Amino acid sequence: MKAIINIGLKKGVLDSAGKAAHHTLDTVGFKEVVKDVRIGKQIVMELNCTNESEAREEATKMCEQLLANTVIEDYDILIEA
């Protein structure tokens, strides 16, 4: 099974990389198009799990223990067969 994990800063946490990207997009002509920019990371992994529930449980454990800083980051897990 494939786990796709998207990790990003929680709402209210300053995203300096997102602000820099937003400023640059404004500068190169996208000021009227781009409202906000948040930059995160995506982790894609193949898991040796037999069902979606087990895969989600294992991916959640990984996020809580290592992959995400849960003090300042949120994560979303998508499981594909």
PDB file of N, CA and C in Angstrom:
ATOM      1  N   MET A   1       0.845  -1.178   0.000  1.00  0.00           N
ATOM      2  CA  MET A   1       0.000   0.000   0.000  1.00  0.00           C
ATOM      3  C   MET A   1       0.887   1.236   0.000  1.00  0.00           C
ATOM      4  N   LYS A   2       0.379   2.298  -0.575  1.00  0.00           N
ATOM      5  CA  LYS A   2       1.115   3.554  -0.644  1.00  0.00           C
ATOM      6  C   LYS A   2       0.490   4.547   0.337  1.00  0.00           C
ATOM      7  N   ALA A   3       1.346   5.197   1.121  1.00  0.00           N
ATOM      8  CA  ALA A   3       0.904   6.269   2.010  1.00  0.00           C
ATOM      9  C   ALA A   3       1.464   7.583   1.470  1.00  0.00           C
ATOM     10  N   ILE A   4       0.583   8.544   1.287  1.00  0.00           N
ATOM     11  CA  ILE A   4       0.986   9.881   0.867  1.00  0.00           C
ATOM     12  C   ILE A   4       0.689  10.807   2.041  1.00  0.00           C
ATOM     13  N   ILE A   5       1.747  11.402   2.588  1.00  0.00           N
ATOM     14  CA  ILE A   5       1.620  12.233   3.777  1.00  0.00           C
ATOM     15  C   ILE A   5       1.983  13.672   3.413  1.00  0.00           C
ATOM     16  N   ASN A   6       1.061  14.570   3.629  1.00  0.00           N
ATOM     17  CA  ASN A   6       1.286  16.001   3.401  1.00  0.00           C
ATOM     18  C   ASN A   6       1.423  16.676   4.756  1.00  0.00           C
ATOM     19  N   ILE A   7       2.532  17.397   4.934  1.00  0.00           N
ATOM     20  CA  ILE A   7       2.828  18.044   6.200  1.00  0.00           C
ATOM     21  C   ILE A   7       2.992  19.539   5.945  1.00  0.00           C
ATOM     22  N   GLY A   8       2.342  20.335   6.775  1.00  0.00           N
ATOM     23  CA  GLY A   8       2.449  21.784   6.635  1.00  0.00           C
ATOM     24  C   GLY A   8       2.331  22.466   7.979  1.00  0.00           C
ATOM     25  N   LEU A   9       2.751  23.705   8.022  1.00  0.00           N
ATOM     26  CA  LEU A   9       2.665  24.460   9.262  1.00  0.00           C
ATOM     27  C   LEU A   9       1.207  24.695   9.646  1.00  0.00           C
ATOM     28  N   LYS A  10       0.937  24.667  10.941  1.00  0.00           N
ATOM     29  CA  LYS A  10      -0.407  24.930  11.434  1.00  0.00           C
ATOM     30  C   LYS A  10      -0.800  26.375  11.129  1.00  0.00           C
ATOM     31  N   LYS A  11      -2.086  26.602  11.028  1.00  0.00           N
ATOM     32  CA  LYS A  11      -2.601  27.947  10.819  1.00  0.00           C
ATOM     33  C   LYS A  11      -2.135  28.816  11.987  1.00  0.00           C
ATOM     34  N   GLY A  12      -1.644  29.981  11.668  1.00  0.00           N
ATOM     35  CA  GLY A  12      -1.159  30.881  12.704  1.00  0.00           C
ATOM     36  C   GLY A  12       0.342  30.828  12.917  1.00  0.00           C
ATOM     37  N   VAL A  13       0.999  29.781  12.400  1.00  0.00           N
ATOM     38  CA  VAL A  13       2.456  29.690  12.492  1.00  0.00           C
ATOM     39  C   VAL A  13       3.043  30.387  11.277  1.00  0.00           C
ATOM     40  N   LEU A  14       3.975  31.306  11.511  1.00  0.00           N
ATOM     41  CA  LEU A  14       4.586  32.065  10.428  1.00  0.00           C
ATOM     42  C   LEU A  14       5.322  31.141   9.465  1.00  0.00           C
ATOM     43  N   ASP A  15       4.992  31.248   8.195  1.00  0.00           N
ATOM     44  CA  ASP A  15       5.635  30.460   7.136  1.00  0.00           C
ATOM     45  C   ASP A  15       6.526  31.407   6.339  1.00  0.00           C
ATOM     46  N   SER A  16       7.776  31.557   6.769  1.00  0.00           N
ATOM     47  CA  SER A  16       8.668  32.518   6.117  1.00  0.00           C
ATOM     48  C   SER A  16       8.971  32.133   4.671  1.00  0.00           C
ATOM     49  N   ALA A  17       9.092  30.835   4.391  1.00  0.00           N
ATOM     50  CA  ALA A  17       9.331  30.401   3.008  1.00  0.00           C
ATOM     51  C   ALA A  17       8.114  30.721   2.137  1.00  0.00           C
ATOM     52  N   GLY A  18       6.920  30.512   2.667  1.00  0.00           N
ATOM     53  CA  GLY A  18       5.699  30.844   1.939  1.00  0.00           C
ATOM     54  C   GLY A  18       5.585  32.339   1.684  1.00  0.00           C
ATOM     55  N   LYS A  19       5.939  33.132   2.680  1.00  0.00           N
ATOM     56  CA  LYS A  19       5.896  34.593   2.515  1.00  0.00           C
ATOM     57  C   LYS A  19       6.883  35.042   1.444  1.00  0.00           C
ATOM     58  N   ALA A  20       8.090  34.450   1.438  1.00  0.00           N
ATOM     59  CA  ALA A  20       9.096  34.814   0.434  1.00  0.00           C
ATOM     60  C   ALA A  20       8.617  34.437  -0.964  1.00  0.00           C
ATOM     61  N   ALA A  21       8.034  33.239  -1.103  1.00  0.00           N
ATOM     62  CA  ALA A  21       7.515  32.810  -2.402  1.00  0.00           C
ATOM     63  C   ALA A  21       6.378  33.723  -2.851  1.00  0.00           C
ATOM     64  N   HIS A  22       5.501  34.083  -1.917  1.00  0.00           N
ATOM     65  CA  HIS A  22       4.381  34.965  -2.238  1.00  0.00           C
ATOM     66  C   HIS A  22       4.895  36.325  -2.718  1.00  0.00           C
ATOM     67  N   HIS A  23       5.856  36.878  -2.009  1.00  0.00           N
ATOM     68  CA  HIS A  23       6.428  38.162  -2.406  1.00  0.00           C
ATOM     69  C   HIS A  23       7.029  38.086  -3.812  1.00  0.00           C
ATOM     70  N   THR A  24       7.767  37.022  -4.077  1.00  0.00           N
ATOM     71  CA  THR A  24       8.385  36.870  -5.400  1.00  0.00           C
ATOM     72  C   THR A  24       7.333  36.708  -6.480  1.00  0.00           C
ATOM     73  N   LEU A  25       6.288  35.937  -6.217  1.00  0.00           N
ATOM     74  CA  LEU A  25       5.204  35.790  -7.194  1.00  0.00           C
ATOM     75  C   LEU A  25       4.540  37.138  -7.475  1.00  0.00           C
ATOM     76  N   ASP A  26       4.339  37.935  -6.427  1.00  0.00           N
ATOM     77  CA  ASP A  26       3.795  39.284  -6.617  1.00  0.00           C
ATOM     78  C   ASP A  26       4.706  40.105  -7.535  1.00  0.00           C
ATOM     79  N   THR A  27       6.005  39.994  -7.284  1.00  0.00           N
ATOM     80  CA  THR A  27       6.998  40.773  -8.020  1.00  0.00           C
ATOM     81  C   THR A  27       7.042  40.416  -9.505  1.00  0.00           C
ATOM     82  N   VAL A  28       6.841  39.147  -9.826  1.00  0.00           N
ATOM     83  CA  VAL A  28       6.942  38.720 -11.226  1.00  0.00           C
ATOM     84  C   VAL A  28       5.600  38.739 -11.955  1.00  0.00           C
ATOM     85  N   GLY A  29       4.580  39.369 -11.344  1.00  0.00           N
ATOM     86  CA  GLY A  29       3.354  39.599 -12.086  1.00  0.00           C
ATOM     87  C   GLY A  29       2.135  38.794 -11.681  1.00  0.00           C
ATOM     88  N   PHE A  30       2.181  38.090 -10.560  1.00  0.00           N
ATOM     89  CA  PHE A  30       1.024  37.290 -10.147  1.00  0.00           C
ATOM     90  C   PHE A  30       0.302  37.889  -8.941  1.00  0.00           C
ATOM     91  N   LYS A  31       0.484  39.177  -8.708  1.00  0.00           N
ATOM     92  CA  LYS A  31      -0.097  39.840  -7.540  1.00  0.00           C
ATOM     93  C   LYS A  31      -1.621  39.699  -7.485  1.00  0.00           C
ATOM     94  N   GLU A  32      -2.276  39.799  -8.622  1.00  0.00           N
ATOM     95  CA  GLU A  32      -3.741  39.718  -8.661  1.00  0.00           C
ATOM     96  C   GLU A  32      -4.259  38.278  -8.593  1.00  0.00           C
ATOM     97  N   VAL A  33      -3.375  37.313  -8.790  1.00  0.00           N
ATOM     98  CA  VAL A  33      -3.791  35.913  -8.856  1.00  0.00           C
ATOM     99  C   VAL A  33      -3.589  35.182  -7.531  1.00  0.00           C
ATOM    100  N   VAL A  34      -2.461  35.432  -6.866  1.00  0.00           N
ATOM    101  CA  VAL A  34      -2.090  34.675  -5.671  1.00  0.00           C
ATOM    102  C   VAL A  34      -2.543  35.409  -4.414  1.00  0.00           C
ATOM    103  N   LYS A  35      -3.362  34.730  -3.627  1.00  0.00           N
ATOM    104  CA  LYS A  35      -3.864  35.309  -2.378  1.00  0.00           C
ATOM    105  C   LYS A  35      -2.946  34.985  -1.203  1.00  0.00           C
ATOM    106  N   ASP A  36      -2.446  33.743  -1.119  1.00  0.00           N
ATOM    107  CA  ASP A  36      -1.578  33.328  -0.023  1.00  0.00           C
ATOM    108  C   ASP A  36      -0.757  32.123  -0.479  1.00  0.00           C
ATOM    109  N   VAL A  37       0.396  31.939   0.124  1.00  0.00           N
ATOM    110  CA  VAL A  37       1.258  30.794  -0.190  1.00  0.00           C
ATOM    111  C   VAL A  37       1.696  30.153   1.120  1.00  0.00           C
ATOM    112  N   ARG A  38       1.527  28.850   1.210  1.00  0.00           N
ATOM    113  CA  ARG A  38       2.032  28.058   2.336  1.00  0.00           C
ATOM    114  C   ARG A  38       2.876  26.944   1.721  1.00  0.00           C
ATOM    115  N   ILE A  39       4.054  26.738   2.258  1.00  0.00           N
ATOM    116  CA  ILE A  39       4.939  25.706   1.736  1.00  0.00           C
ATOM    117  C   ILE A  39       5.053  24.594   2.770  1.00  0.00           C
ATOM    118  N   GLY A  40       4.913  23.358   2.306  1.00  0.00           N
ATOM    119  CA  GLY A  40       5.014  22.200   3.179  1.00  0.00           C
ATOM    120  C   GLY A  40       5.873  21.145   2.528  1.00  0.00           C
ATOM    121  N   LYS A  41       5.673  19.923   2.965  1.00  0.00           N
ATOM    122  CA  LYS A  41       6.411  18.813   2.377  1.00  0.00           C
ATOM    123  C   LYS A  41       5.471  17.636   2.177  1.00  0.00           C
ATOM    124  N   GLN A  42       5.836  16.796   1.224  1.00  0.00           N
ATOM    125  CA  GLN A  42       5.067  15.592   0.946  1.00  0.00           C
ATOM    126  C   GLN A  42       6.000  14.397   1.032  1.00  0.00           C
ATOM    127  N   ILE A  43       5.549  13.371   1.737  1.00  0.00           N
ATOM    128  CA  ILE A  43       6.307  12.131   1.871  1.00  0.00           C
ATOM    129  C   ILE A  43       5.452  11.021   1.277  1.00  0.00           C
ATOM    130  N   VAL A  44       6.039  10.270   0.356  1.00  0.00           N
ATOM    131  CA  VAL A  44       5.345   9.148  -0.274  1.00  0.00           C
ATOM    132  C   VAL A  44       6.128   7.890   0.069  1.00  0.00           C
ATOM    133  N   MET A  45       5.434   6.898   0.627  1.00  0.00           N
ATOM    134  CA  MET A  45       6.125   5.664   0.996  1.00  0.00           C
ATOM    135  C   MET A  45       5.267   4.447   0.696  1.00  0.00           C
ATOM    136  N   GLU A  46       5.948   3.367   0.377  1.00  0.00           N
ATOM    137  CA  GLU A  46       5.296   2.078   0.195  1.00  0.00           C
ATOM    138  C   GLU A  46       5.340   1.345   1.532  1.00  0.00           C
ATOM    139  N   LEU A  47       4.202   0.841   1.969  1.00  0.00           N
ATOM    140  CA  LEU A  47       4.109   0.156   3.253  1.00  0.00           C
ATOM    141  C   LEU A  47       3.768  -1.320   3.053  1.00  0.00           C
ATOM    142  N   ASN A  48       4.309  -2.151   3.902  1.00  0.00           N
ATOM    143  CA  ASN A  48       3.975  -3.577   3.907  1.00  0.00           C
ATOM    144  C   ASN A  48       2.815  -3.790   4.872  1.00  0.00           C
ATOM    145  N   CYS A  49       1.638  -3.375   4.470  1.00  0.00           N
ATOM    146  CA  CYS A  49       0.434  -3.509   5.290  1.00  0.00           C
ATOM    147  C   CYS A  49      -0.624  -4.256   4.489  1.00  0.00           C
ATOM    148  N   THR A  50      -1.495  -4.938   5.189  1.00  0.00           N
ATOM    149  CA  THR A  50      -2.487  -5.767   4.512  1.00  0.00           C
ATOM    150  C   THR A  50      -3.799  -5.044   4.229  1.00  0.00           C
ATOM    151  N   ASN A  51      -4.054  -3.925   4.934  1.00  0.00           N
ATOM    152  CA  ASN A  51      -5.295  -3.199   4.691  1.00  0.00           C
ATOM    153  C   ASN A  51      -5.113  -1.709   4.973  1.00  0.00           C
ATOM    154  N   GLU A  52      -6.072  -0.921   4.557  1.00  0.00           N
ATOM    155  CA  GLU A  52      -5.992   0.536   4.676  1.00  0.00           C
ATOM    156  C   GLU A  52      -5.928   0.989   6.125  1.00  0.00           C
ATOM    157  N   SER A  53      -6.695   0.338   6.980  1.00  0.00           N
ATOM    158  CA  SER A  53      -6.719   0.718   8.391  1.00  0.00           C
ATOM    159  C   SER A  53      -5.342   0.547   9.044  1.00  0.00           C
ATOM    160  N   GLU A  54      -4.710  -0.569   8.778  1.00  0.00           N
ATOM    161  CA  GLU A  54      -3.373  -0.828   9.325  1.00  0.00           C
ATOM    162  C   GLU A  54      -2.364   0.184   8.767  1.00  0.00           C
ATOM    163  N   ALA A  55      -2.438   0.459   7.474  1.00  0.00           N
ATOM    164  CA  ALA A  55      -1.526   1.409   6.843  1.00  0.00           C
ATOM    165  C   ALA A  55      -1.689   2.799   7.442  1.00  0.00           C
ATOM    166  N   ARG A  56      -2.927   3.234   7.641  1.00  0.00           N
ATOM    167  CA  ARG A  56      -3.183   4.552   8.230  1.00  0.00           C
ATOM    168  C   ARG A  56      -2.660   4.615   9.667  1.00  0.00           C
ATOM    169  N   GLU A  57      -2.869   3.554  10.413  1.00  0.00           N
ATOM    170  CA  GLU A  57      -2.398   3.498  11.802  1.00  0.00           C
ATOM    171  C   GLU A  57      -0.873   3.607  11.869  1.00  0.00           C
ATOM    172  N   GLU A  58      -0.183   2.862  11.020  1.00  0.00           N
ATOM    173  CA  GLU A  58       1.284   2.882  11.008  1.00  0.00           C
ATOM    174  C   GLU A  58       1.812   4.242  10.538  1.00  0.00           C
ATOM    175  N   ALA A  59       1.189   4.811   9.512  1.00  0.00           N
ATOM    176  CA  ALA A  59       1.613   6.124   9.016  1.00  0.00           C
ATOM    177  C   ALA A  59       1.388   7.194  10.082  1.00  0.00           C
ATOM    178  N   THR A  60       0.297   7.100  10.813  1.00  0.00           N
ATOM    179  CA  THR A  60       0.029   8.047  11.899  1.00  0.00           C
ATOM    180  C   THR A  60       1.097   7.950  12.974  1.00  0.00           C
ATOM    181  N   LYS A  61       1.469   6.741  13.344  1.00  0.00           N
ATOM    182  CA  LYS A  61       2.536   6.553  14.339  1.00  0.00           C
ATOM    183  C   LYS A  61       3.839   7.195  13.861  1.00  0.00           C
ATOM    184  N   MET A  62       4.155   7.008  12.580  1.00  0.00           N
ATOM    185  CA  MET A  62       5.379   7.583  12.031  1.00  0.00           C
ATOM    186  C   MET A  62       5.353   9.104  12.095  1.00  0.00           C
ATOM    187  N   CYS A  63       4.204   9.686  11.755  1.00  0.00           N
ATOM    188  CA  CYS A  63       4.072  11.141  11.804  1.00  0.00           C
ATOM    189  C   CYS A  63       4.222  11.664  13.228  1.00  0.00           C
ATOM    190  N   GLU A  64       3.555  11.011  14.152  1.00  0.00           N
ATOM    191  CA  GLU A  64       3.581  11.457  15.543  1.00  0.00           C
ATOM    192  C   GLU A  64       4.972  11.315  16.164  1.00  0.00           C
ATOM    193  N   GLN A  65       5.706  10.283  15.776  1.00  0.00           N
ATOM    194  CA  GLN A  65       7.007  10.018  16.392  1.00  0.00           C
ATOM    195  C   GLN A  65       8.180  10.684  15.684  1.00  0.00           C
ATOM    196  N   LEU A  66       8.079  10.895  14.368  1.00  0.00           N
ATOM    197  CA  LEU A  66       9.260  11.333  13.642  1.00  0.00           C
ATOM    198  C   LEU A  66       9.005  12.343  12.523  1.00  0.00           C
ATOM    199  N   LEU A  67       8.045  12.087  11.676  1.00  0.00           N
ATOM    200  CA  LEU A  67       7.938  12.828  10.425  1.00  0.00           C
ATOM    201  C   LEU A  67       7.419  14.255  10.578  1.00  0.00           C
ATOM    202  N   ALA A  68       6.545  14.493  11.536  1.00  0.00           N
ATOM    203  CA  ALA A  68       5.957  15.822  11.722  1.00  0.00           C
ATOM    204  C   ALA A  68       6.296  16.363  13.107  1.00  0.00           C
ATOM    205  N   ASN A  69       6.540  17.650  13.165  1.00  0.00           N
ATOM    206  CA  ASN A  69       6.681  18.327  14.448  1.00  0.00           C
ATOM    207  C   ASN A  69       5.277  18.776  14.831  1.00  0.00           C
ATOM    208  N   THR A  70       4.588  17.966  15.606  1.00  0.00           N
ATOM    209  CA  THR A  70       3.163  18.193  15.861  1.00  0.00           C
ATOM    210  C   THR A  70       2.876  19.424  16.707  1.00  0.00           C
ATOM    211  N   VAL A  71       3.907  20.064  17.238  1.00  0.00           N
ATOM    212  CA  VAL A  71       3.709  21.319  17.957  1.00  0.00           C
ATOM    213  C   VAL A  71       3.359  22.429  16.963  1.00  0.00           C
ATOM    214  N   ILE A  72       4.010  22.416  15.801  1.00  0.00           N
ATOM    215  CA  ILE A  72       3.801  23.498  14.830  1.00  0.00           C
ATOM    216  C   ILE A  72       3.288  23.021  13.473  1.00  0.00           C
ATOM    217  N   GLU A  73       3.192  21.696  13.264  1.00  0.00           N
ATOM    218  CA  GLU A  73       2.781  21.173  11.965  1.00  0.00           C
ATOM    219  C   GLU A  73       1.549  20.286  12.074  1.00  0.00           C
ATOM    220  N   ASP A  74       0.726  20.347  11.047  1.00  0.00           N
ATOM    221  CA  ASP A  74      -0.384  19.419  10.855  1.00  0.00           C
ATOM    222  C   ASP A  74      -0.010  18.461   9.736  1.00  0.00           C
ATOM    223  N   TYR A  75      -0.646  17.309   9.704  1.00  0.00           N
ATOM    224  CA  TYR A  75      -0.398  16.366   8.624  1.00  0.00           C
ATOM    225  C   TYR A  75      -1.698  15.725   8.182  1.00  0.00           C
ATOM    226  N   ASP A  76      -1.692  15.280   6.939  1.00  0.00           N
ATOM    227  CA  ASP A  76      -2.844  14.609   6.341  1.00  0.00           C
ATOM    228  C   ASP A  76      -2.318  13.357   5.664  1.00  0.00           C
ATOM    229  N   ILE A  77      -2.997  12.245   5.844  1.00  0.00           N
ATOM    230  CA  ILE A  77      -2.549  10.968   5.295  1.00  0.00           C
ATOM    231  C   ILE A  77      -3.574  10.462   4.285  1.00  0.00           C
ATOM    232  N   LEU A  78      -3.088  10.114   3.095  1.00  0.00           N
ATOM    233  CA  LEU A  78      -3.911   9.489   2.068  1.00  0.00           C
ATOM    234  C   LEU A  78      -3.318   8.105   1.820  1.00  0.00           C
ATOM    235  N   ILE A  79      -4.160   7.084   1.891  1.00  0.00           N
ATOM    236  CA  ILE A  79      -3.712   5.708   1.646  1.00  0.00           C
ATOM    237  C   ILE A  79      -4.251   5.252   0.303  1.00  0.00           C
ATOM    238  N   GLU A  80      -3.364   4.724  -0.540  1.00  0.00           N
ATOM    239  CA  GLU A  80      -3.764   4.162  -1.835  1.00  0.00           C
ATOM    240  C   GLU A  80      -3.397   2.689  -1.867  1.00  0.00           C
ATOM    241  N   ALA A  81      -4.267   1.900  -2.448  1.00  0.00           N
ATOM    242  CA  ALA A  81      -4.015   0.455  -2.545  1.00  0.00           C
ATOM    243  C   ALA A  81      -2.980   0.158  -3.613  1.00  0.00           C
TER     244      ALA A  81
END
